[in-house]
Amino acid sequence: MIGKIIVASAALLAVCALALYFYAHHNWHPLPAGTAINRIVVEKSAKKLSIFDNGNHIKSYRIALGRNPVGAKQEEGDMKTPEGIYKIDSRNAQSSFHLALHISYPSDEDNKHAAARGVSAGFDIMIHGIQNGRGWIGAFHRWKDWTAGCIALTDEEIEELWRVTPDGTAVEIRP
């Protein structure tokens, strides 16, 4: 009797572990091959990144932000994600985080505001995956904001976004 309970418990535990893995690492609605976008909108308060092609909504992703997500980035080290209109100006396949799309922050206006306060505006704001070697965390990374100001997706999600996002894509980051 006790043996059957142990076997049943182990089986239930295995099923739960498998379900958690699929939740954390599955892209439920993959984009078809050949998809390309021309706009990304990040809504910080909703923790959402949406992609568009010629005004048509294609898909949305849940995200994690900088550790201090309320308000626009003011200076280097404030752990805030910027707000404003930017673009994807480069990409880094060798990033410390799984793939990274570089956002053109700081703008001239961002630099001007920071200089007026005698500080650096910061730099290297990216849309990226999870830190290399920690991809097993999957969707659970979104339980709390953890970046230094970047926008984070799961590794599977950034792979998809990387594939459909050309350099020059407009990025609007809203409060």
Foldseek 3Di string as FASTA:
>chain_A
DVVVVVVVVVVVVVVVVVVVQCVQDPDPDFDDPPAAFQAWEAELVQQKIWTHHPPHTDDMAHKAFFQPDPDAQQAQQPRYAHFFKWFQADWDCPDQFHIWGATPPPDPVSQVRNVVVPHHSHGRATEGEGGPPPLSCGPVVNPHHHDSHHIYHRNVVVVRVVNRYDGGRMYGYHD
